[in-house]
Amino acid sequence: MRFFLTLLGLAFTVAAWSQASVTTDYFADGKKAQSDKNYELAVENFKKATVQKPTDGEAWYELGWCYNELLKYSDAISALKNAKTYLKDQPKAFYESGYANDFGGKTDDAIKDYKKCIELNENYAGAYRQLANIYFDIDKDYETALKYYNQYIDFSLESDISVQTWYRKGYCENESGQYEDAIIYLKKALDLDNKYSSAYDELGFAYYKLNRADEAIEAYNTSKQLNPNSSASSSGLGDIYRFLKKDNDAAFTNYKKGVEINPKSQNCNYGTGWCYNEKANYLAAIPYLQKAVELNSKYAAAFTELGYAYYALKRYDEALVELGKSVTLFNASAPNYYMGLCYVAKNKKTDAQQIYKKLVDLNSPDADNLLKKINAMP
């Protein structure tokens, strides 16, 4: 009996030891929850996996990945810092860390991570795309953004490229003056989404810059139908009718509509003021031109037009102030000429002569006109 009890005790001891020695595979459980898109549960399991094995780079990586999916970017950054330490040769760790830093507001760190990802694998297409988006959205550096969009496209299947990427590439090409190329890629965006109003706006701009007025008008009108609450199409149409069609009445109608839609449109305010000046309705022009320079304190053309309105109303001191701002920003012929006319009107011959010399230096055809007025002064 004692022998039997001894064996029984031994059996219980072995069973207890075996049960204690079985370790839960938290990493596998985390992957299962991740595949089920239960990211909260996945996080709990991956955290336990990192406790079990603190040097498990894959567990840290998956933990960071899940935090990114949950929009918990600070937590993701911390987890992925460890992933980069233990997976230092794997580009995916740096890409995911770049993503966390990118959306967590740490742009400089994101750029470093994405560039390290590319250094480890120059074919890692997503890193090029994310870099392009940073330079497009945050830095407004469209030349650099275009370089990265081109590299992203080179390393991607065309079927994987989104409508937004085609649009942004076309936008960057417009900014770079590559209008023919812009048309190609904006059309690719529209092939994927024919209701993308912003792509029609950019297409209209490219056609406008290429003097293809009718195609530009068609593109902008399509945009207007798709998004009546955007001023971009009205602004573009105003420019086409003003510069290409030489139809100031149609230009005025579109600019004015653009201001009604968006009172903060710089170009529509400027265009409306310009058209009012052309109609010799200078008092009406002034509020629009004032709004344009309020919105953009470096808008030299708007300062010139505002100065001209004051000059036409014989408000010479106010004209000189606005024209002087324009000249400070860009030493062009027109604001200098109207400054000269103001000095002539104020009977300030010496000041007018100084302006004449500036016009001569600028090789301005207005120099002779101003000289005639100066010579006619008493």
Protein backbone atom coordinates (compact mmCIF):
# COMPACT_ATOMS: atom_id res chain seq x y z
CA MET A 1 0.00 0.00 0.00
CA ARG A 2 2.82 2.37 0.89
CA PHE A 3 4.48 1.59 -2.46
CA PHE A 4 1.20 2.36 -4.29
CA LEU A 5 0.76 5.66 -2.47
CA THR A 6 4.36 6.57 -3.30
CA LEU A 7 3.77 5.93 -6.99
CA LEU A 8 0.54 7.90 -6.90
CA GLY A 9 2.31 10.84 -5.25
CA LEU A 10 5.03 10.71 -7.87
CA ALA A 11 2.44 10.72 -10.65
CA PHE A 12 0.80 13.85 -9.25
CA THR A 13 4.17 15.53 -8.91
CA VAL A 14 5.14 14.75 -12.52
CA ALA A 15 1.75 15.97 -13.79
CA ALA A 16 2.05 19.21 -11.84
CA TRP A 17 5.59 19.76 -13.12
CA SER A 18 4.53 19.09 -16.73
CA GLN A 19 1.64 21.55 -16.51
CA ALA A 20 3.87 24.25 -15.07
CA SER A 21 6.48 23.70 -17.77
CA VAL A 22 4.01 24.31 -20.65
CA THR A 23 4.40 27.97 -21.70
CA THR A 24 1.56 29.83 -23.42
CA ASP A 25 2.58 30.95 -26.94
CA TYR A 26 1.50 34.57 -26.60
CA PHE A 27 3.08 35.51 -29.94
CA ALA A 28 0.94 32.93 -31.77
CA ASP A 29 -2.14 34.11 -29.89
CA GLY A 30 -1.30 37.67 -30.86
CA LYS A 31 -0.99 36.76 -34.53
CA LYS A 32 -4.36 34.98 -34.37
CA ALA A 33 -6.04 38.03 -32.83
CA GLN A 34 -4.27 40.25 -35.37
CA SER A 35 -5.57 38.17 -38.29
CA ASP A 36 -9.05 38.52 -36.80
CA LYS A 37 -8.48 42.31 -36.63
CA ASN A 38 -8.94 42.21 -32.88
CA TYR A 39 -6.04 44.57 -32.33
CA GLU A 40 -6.70 45.28 -28.66
CA LEU A 41 -6.44 41.57 -27.86
CA ALA A 42 -3.43 41.26 -30.15
CA VAL A 43 -1.68 44.07 -28.25
CA GLU A 44 -2.23 42.31 -24.92
CA ASN A 45 -0.74 39.09 -26.28
CA PHE A 46 2.23 40.74 -27.99
CA LYS A 47 2.99 42.69 -24.80
CA LYS A 48 3.08 39.39 -22.90
CA ALA A 49 5.30 37.93 -25.61
CA THR A 50 7.82 40.75 -25.10
CA VAL A 51 7.79 40.09 -21.35
CA GLN A 52 8.48 36.42 -22.00
CA LYS A 53 11.30 37.30 -24.37
CA PRO A 54 12.39 40.95 -24.25
CA THR A 55 14.75 40.52 -27.22
CA ASP A 56 12.02 39.18 -29.53
CA GLY A 57 12.15 41.79 -32.30
CA GLU A 58 9.20 40.27 -34.14
CA ALA A 59 6.97 40.61 -31.06
CA TRP A 60 7.99 44.26 -30.65
CA TYR A 61 7.36 44.85 -34.35
CA GLU A 62 3.88 43.30 -34.31
CA LEU A 63 3.07 45.21 -31.13
CA GLY A 64 4.03 48.47 -32.81
CA TRP A 65 2.10 47.53 -35.94
CA CYS A 66 -1.05 46.94 -33.91
CA TYR A 67 -0.61 50.20 -32.02
CA ASN A 68 -0.45 51.96 -35.40
CA GLU A 69 -3.70 50.30 -36.41
CA LEU A 70 -5.24 51.56 -33.17
CA LEU A 71 -3.89 55.09 -33.87
CA LYS A 72 -1.84 54.91 -30.68
CA TYR A 73 1.25 56.38 -32.26
CA SER A 74 3.21 57.23 -29.10
CA ASP A 75 2.92 53.64 -27.93
CA ALA A 76 3.82 52.44 -31.41
CA ILE A 77 6.95 54.61 -31.46
CA SER A 78 8.13 53.10 -28.16
CA ALA A 79 7.50 49.52 -29.26
CA LEU A 80 9.09 50.02 -32.66
CA LYS A 81 12.18 51.58 -31.12
CA ASN A 82 12.82 48.13 -29.65
CA ALA A 83 11.89 46.46 -32.92
CA LYS A 84 14.55 48.52 -34.73
CA THR A 85 17.11 47.47 -32.14
CA TYR A 86 16.47 43.73 -32.55
CA LEU A 87 15.54 43.80 -36.26
CA LYS A 88 18.17 46.31 -37.27
CA ASP A 89 18.63 44.82 -40.74
CA GLN A 90 14.92 44.52 -41.55
CA PRO A 91 13.44 47.48 -43.47
CA LYS A 92 9.90 46.73 -42.29
CA ALA A 93 10.79 47.80 -38.73
CA PHE A 94 12.00 51.20 -39.96
CA TYR A 95 9.02 51.63 -42.27
CA GLU A 96 6.55 50.95 -39.48
CA SER A 97 8.47 53.25 -37.13
CA GLY A 98 8.44 55.90 -39.85
CA TYR A 99 4.68 55.52 -40.11
CA ALA A 100 4.25 55.90 -36.34
CA ASN A 101 6.46 58.99 -36.26
CA ASP A 102 4.79 60.38 -39.37
CA PHE A 103 1.27 60.22 -37.98
CA GLY A 104 2.46 60.95 -34.47
CA GLY A 105 3.68 64.37 -35.57
CA LYS A 106 7.41 63.62 -35.44
CA THR A 107 8.16 64.44 -39.06
CA ASP A 108 11.96 64.61 -38.88
CA ASP A 109 12.13 61.21 -37.21
CA ALA A 110 9.71 59.80 -39.78
CA ILE A 111 11.91 61.01 -42.64
CA LYS A 112 14.97 59.38 -41.03
CA ASP A 113 13.12 56.09 -40.60
CA TYR A 114 11.76 56.02 -44.15
CA LYS A 115 15.18 56.83 -45.59
CA LYS A 116 16.77 54.08 -43.48
CA CYS A 117 14.12 51.68 -44.78
CA ILE A 118 15.10 52.58 -48.35
CA GLU A 119 18.78 52.27 -47.49
CA LEU A 120 18.12 48.68 -46.38
CA ASN A 121 15.88 47.92 -49.35
CA GLU A 122 15.80 50.37 -52.25
CA ASN A 123 12.75 48.59 -53.67
CA TYR A 124 10.56 49.30 -50.62
CA ALA A 125 7.92 51.24 -52.54
CA GLY A 126 5.78 52.34 -49.61
CA ALA A 127 8.63 54.31 -48.04
CA TYR A 128 8.97 56.42 -51.20
CA ARG A 129 5.24 57.11 -51.16
CA GLN A 130 5.23 58.16 -47.52
CA LEU A 131 8.22 60.44 -48.02
CA ALA A 132 6.46 62.01 -51.00
CA ASN A 133 3.35 62.60 -48.90
CA ILE A 134 5.39 64.32 -46.19
CA TYR A 135 7.03 66.69 -48.66
CA PHE A 136 3.67 67.30 -50.35
CA ASP A 137 1.54 67.84 -47.24
CA ILE A 138 3.88 69.33 -44.69
CA ASP A 139 6.82 70.96 -46.46
CA LYS A 140 4.96 71.97 -49.63
CA ASP A 141 8.17 71.00 -51.41
CA TYR A 142 6.60 69.77 -54.60
CA GLU A 143 9.86 69.21 -56.45
CA THR A 144 11.11 66.77 -53.81
CA ALA A 145 7.65 65.22 -53.47
CA LEU A 146 7.59 64.59 -57.23
CA LYS A 147 10.96 62.84 -57.07
CA TYR A 148 9.66 60.43 -54.45
CA TYR A 149 6.32 59.88 -56.19
CA ASN A 150 8.23 58.94 -59.34
CA GLN A 151 10.36 56.46 -57.39
CA TYR A 152 7.30 55.00 -55.71
CA ILE A 153 5.67 54.46 -59.08
CA ASP A 154 8.86 52.90 -60.49
CA PHE A 155 8.86 50.27 -57.75
CA SER A 156 5.09 49.59 -57.72
CA LEU A 157 2.57 47.75 -59.80
CA GLU A 158 0.32 50.24 -61.54
CA SER A 159 -2.70 48.42 -60.16
CA ASP A 160 -1.48 49.23 -56.63
CA ILE A 161 -1.21 52.97 -57.20
CA SER A 162 -4.05 54.98 -55.69
CA VAL A 163 -6.06 57.76 -57.27
CA GLN A 164 -4.59 60.16 -54.71
CA THR A 165 -1.03 59.35 -55.78
CA TRP A 166 -1.78 59.92 -59.47
CA TYR A 167 -3.47 63.21 -58.56
CA ARG A 168 -0.60 64.37 -56.39
CA LYS A 169 1.97 63.49 -59.03
CA GLY A 170 0.00 65.57 -61.54
CA TYR A 171 -0.29 68.41 -59.04
CA CYS A 172 3.47 68.40 -58.46
CA GLU A 173 4.09 68.43 -62.21
CA ASN A 174 1.85 71.47 -62.57
CA GLU A 175 3.84 73.16 -59.80
CA SER A 176 7.04 72.28 -61.68
CA GLY A 177 5.73 73.59 -65.01
CA GLN A 178 5.54 70.09 -66.52
CA TYR A 179 2.04 70.58 -67.85
CA GLU A 180 2.01 67.89 -70.55
CA ASP A 181 3.09 65.27 -68.01
CA ALA A 182 0.56 66.60 -65.51
CA ILE A 183 -2.25 65.97 -67.99
CA ILE A 184 -1.18 62.33 -68.42
CA TYR A 185 -1.22 61.53 -64.73
CA LEU A 186 -4.27 63.59 -63.82
CA LYS A 187 -6.14 61.58 -66.44
CA LYS A 188 -4.93 58.40 -64.73
CA ALA A 189 -6.46 59.72 -61.50
CA LEU A 190 -9.72 60.44 -63.32
CA ASP A 191 -9.70 56.97 -64.88
CA LEU A 192 -9.91 55.62 -61.33
CA ASP A 193 -12.38 58.24 -60.07
CA ASN A 194 -14.22 60.32 -62.65
CA LYS A 195 -15.85 62.38 -59.91
CA TYR A 196 -12.58 63.69 -58.48
CA SER A 197 -13.27 67.43 -58.77
CA SER A 198 -9.80 68.55 -57.64
CA ALA A 199 -8.22 66.49 -60.42
CA TYR A 200 -10.41 68.33 -62.95
CA ASP A 201 -9.23 71.63 -61.44
CA GLU A 202 -5.60 70.65 -61.89
CA LEU A 203 -6.33 69.36 -65.38
CA GLY A 204 -7.96 72.69 -66.20
CA PHE A 205 -4.90 74.53 -64.90
CA ALA A 206 -2.54 72.43 -67.04
CA TYR A 207 -4.63 73.10 -70.15
CA TYR A 208 -4.76 76.81 -69.26
CA LYS A 209 -0.98 77.03 -68.97
CA LEU A 210 -0.69 75.33 -72.37
CA ASN A 211 -3.12 77.90 -73.89
CA ARG A 212 -5.68 75.16 -74.57
CA ALA A 213 -8.57 77.35 -73.46
CA ASP A 214 -11.55 75.26 -74.55
CA GLU A 215 -10.23 72.08 -72.92
CA ALA A 216 -9.45 74.05 -69.77
CA ILE A 217 -12.97 75.49 -69.67
CA GLU A 218 -14.45 72.02 -70.08
CA ALA A 219 -12.35 70.64 -67.22
CA TYR A 220 -13.19 73.51 -64.87
CA ASN A 221 -16.89 73.33 -65.71
CA THR A 222 -16.89 69.62 -64.92
CA SER A 223 -15.28 70.39 -61.57
CA LYS A 224 -17.88 73.07 -60.89
CA GLN A 225 -20.71 70.61 -61.56
CA LEU A 226 -19.15 68.03 -59.24
CA ASN A 227 -18.33 70.49 -56.45
CA PRO A 228 -20.33 73.72 -56.65
CA ASN A 229 -18.98 74.81 -53.26
CA SER A 230 -15.36 75.07 -54.41
CA SER A 231 -13.98 78.39 -55.64
CA ALA A 232 -11.07 76.78 -57.52
CA SER A 233 -13.02 76.28 -60.74
CA SER A 234 -14.38 79.84 -60.65
CA SER A 235 -10.86 81.17 -60.13
CA GLY A 236 -9.52 79.11 -63.01
CA LEU A 237 -12.32 80.10 -65.35
CA GLY A 238 -11.79 83.75 -64.44
CA ASP A 239 -8.14 83.50 -65.47
CA ILE A 240 -8.96 81.75 -68.74
CA TYR A 241 -11.52 84.36 -69.77
CA ARG A 242 -9.27 87.21 -68.67
CA PHE A 243 -5.97 86.09 -70.20
CA LEU A 244 -6.84 83.66 -73.00
CA LYS A 245 -10.30 84.65 -74.16
CA LYS A 246 -9.88 88.39 -73.44
CA ASP A 247 -13.46 88.44 -72.17
CA ASN A 248 -13.38 90.60 -69.07
CA ASP A 249 -17.12 90.37 -68.46
CA ALA A 250 -16.99 86.57 -68.29
CA ALA A 251 -13.86 86.81 -66.16
CA PHE A 252 -15.61 89.17 -63.76
CA THR A 253 -18.64 86.88 -63.45
CA ASN A 254 -16.45 83.93 -62.51
CA TYR A 255 -14.19 85.81 -60.11
CA LYS A 256 -17.18 87.35 -58.36
CA LYS A 257 -18.81 83.94 -58.03
CA GLY A 258 -15.59 82.60 -56.57
CA VAL A 259 -15.58 85.29 -53.87
CA GLU A 260 -19.18 84.47 -53.00
CA ILE A 261 -18.25 80.82 -52.59
CA ASN A 262 -15.00 81.49 -50.77
CA PRO A 263 -14.39 85.01 -49.44
CA LYS A 264 -10.79 83.98 -48.67
CA SER A 265 -9.84 83.22 -52.26
CA GLN A 266 -6.85 85.45 -52.98
CA ASN A 267 -7.08 85.14 -56.74
CA CYS A 268 -10.83 85.67 -56.92
CA ASN A 269 -10.62 88.80 -54.75
CA TYR A 270 -7.75 90.13 -56.83
CA GLY A 271 -9.48 89.24 -60.09
CA THR A 272 -12.72 90.90 -59.02
CA GLY A 273 -10.84 94.06 -58.05
CA TRP A 274 -8.90 94.02 -61.31
CA CYS A 275 -12.12 93.73 -63.32
CA TYR A 276 -13.74 96.57 -61.38
CA ASN A 277 -10.70 98.72 -62.18
CA GLU A 278 -11.10 97.82 -65.86
CA LYS A 279 -14.70 98.97 -65.60
CA ALA A 280 -13.44 102.25 -64.01
CA ASN A 281 -15.42 101.40 -60.88
CA TYR A 282 -12.48 102.09 -58.59
CA LEU A 283 -14.43 102.45 -55.35
CA ALA A 284 -15.91 98.99 -55.86
CA ALA A 285 -12.46 97.57 -56.63
CA ILE A 286 -10.81 98.71 -53.41
CA PRO A 287 -12.47 96.34 -50.88
CA TYR A 288 -11.63 93.30 -52.99
CA LEU A 289 -8.03 94.37 -53.48
CA GLN A 290 -7.70 95.18 -49.79
CA LYS A 291 -8.95 91.70 -48.99
CA ALA A 292 -6.44 90.17 -51.42
CA VAL A 293 -3.47 91.84 -49.71
CA GLU A 294 -4.92 91.07 -46.29
CA LEU A 295 -4.92 87.41 -47.26
CA ASN A 296 -1.43 87.61 -48.78
CA SER A 297 0.88 90.34 -47.58
CA LYS A 298 3.33 89.51 -50.39
CA TYR A 299 0.84 89.86 -53.24
CA ALA A 300 2.71 92.47 -55.29
CA ALA A 301 0.24 92.55 -58.18
CA ALA A 302 -2.67 93.21 -55.80
CA PHE A 303 -0.78 96.09 -54.14
CA THR A 304 -0.17 97.54 -57.61
CA GLU A 305 -3.83 97.27 -58.54
CA LEU A 306 -4.91 98.76 -55.22
CA GLY A 307 -2.47 101.62 -55.70
CA TYR A 308 -3.82 102.19 -59.19
CA ALA A 309 -7.40 102.40 -57.86
CA TYR A 310 -6.35 105.07 -55.36
CA TYR A 311 -4.43 106.91 -58.09
CA ALA A 312 -7.47 106.90 -60.37
CA LEU A 313 -9.52 108.35 -57.51
CA LYS A 314 -6.83 111.05 -57.01
CA ARG A 315 -6.07 109.71 -53.54
CA TYR A 316 -2.37 110.05 -54.26
CA ASP A 317 -0.92 109.60 -50.77
CA GLU A 318 -2.80 106.33 -50.29
CA ALA A 319 -1.75 105.27 -53.79
CA LEU A 320 1.93 105.92 -53.02
CA VAL A 321 1.74 103.78 -49.88
CA GLU A 322 0.32 100.75 -51.73
CA LEU A 323 2.51 101.17 -54.79
CA GLY A 324 5.54 101.46 -52.53
CA LYS A 325 4.66 98.11 -50.95
CA SER A 326 4.45 96.56 -54.39
CA VAL A 327 7.85 97.92 -55.43
CA THR A 328 9.40 96.65 -52.20
CA LEU A 329 8.12 93.17 -52.99
CA PHE A 330 8.96 93.26 -56.69
CA ASN A 331 10.59 96.19 -58.45
CA ALA A 332 8.40 96.11 -61.54
CA SER A 333 7.64 98.79 -64.10
CA ALA A 334 3.91 99.33 -63.47
CA PRO A 335 3.98 100.32 -59.78
CA ASN A 336 6.97 102.60 -60.38
CA TYR A 337 5.20 104.28 -63.28
CA TYR A 338 2.06 105.01 -61.25
CA MET A 339 4.21 106.28 -58.40
CA GLY A 340 5.75 108.69 -60.91
CA LEU A 341 2.30 109.81 -62.01
CA CYS A 342 1.32 110.40 -58.38
CA TYR A 343 4.38 112.60 -57.88
CA VAL A 344 3.54 114.52 -61.05
CA ALA A 345 -0.01 115.05 -59.78
CA LYS A 346 1.37 116.21 -56.41
CA ASN A 347 3.77 118.56 -58.25
CA LYS A 348 6.82 116.80 -56.79
CA LYS A 349 9.10 117.05 -59.78
CA THR A 350 12.29 115.80 -58.12
CA ASP A 351 10.58 112.66 -56.84
CA ALA A 352 9.05 112.07 -60.26
CA GLN A 353 12.48 112.39 -61.87
CA GLN A 354 13.86 109.77 -59.50
CA ILE A 355 11.12 107.40 -60.60
CA TYR A 356 11.94 108.15 -64.23
CA LYS A 357 15.53 107.03 -63.63
CA LYS A 358 14.25 103.79 -62.11
CA LEU A 359 12.10 103.16 -65.17
CA VAL A 360 15.09 103.73 -67.43
CA ASP A 361 17.08 101.18 -65.41
CA LEU A 362 14.19 98.75 -65.83
CA ASN A 363 14.14 99.36 -69.61
CA SER A 364 10.48 100.25 -69.21
CA PRO A 365 8.53 101.60 -72.18
CA ASP A 366 6.71 103.77 -69.64
CA ALA A 367 9.87 105.80 -69.01
CA ASP A 368 9.29 108.05 -72.03
CA ASN A 369 5.63 108.56 -71.11
CA LEU A 370 6.55 109.66 -67.61
CA LEU A 371 9.30 111.94 -68.92
CA LYS A 372 6.82 113.75 -71.17
CA LYS A 373 4.58 114.42 -68.16
CA ILE A 374 7.56 115.59 -66.09
CA ASN A 375 8.68 117.96 -68.86
CA ALA A 376 5.18 119.40 -69.00
CA MET A 377 5.32 120.31 -65.32
CA PRO A 378 5.80 123.97 -64.44
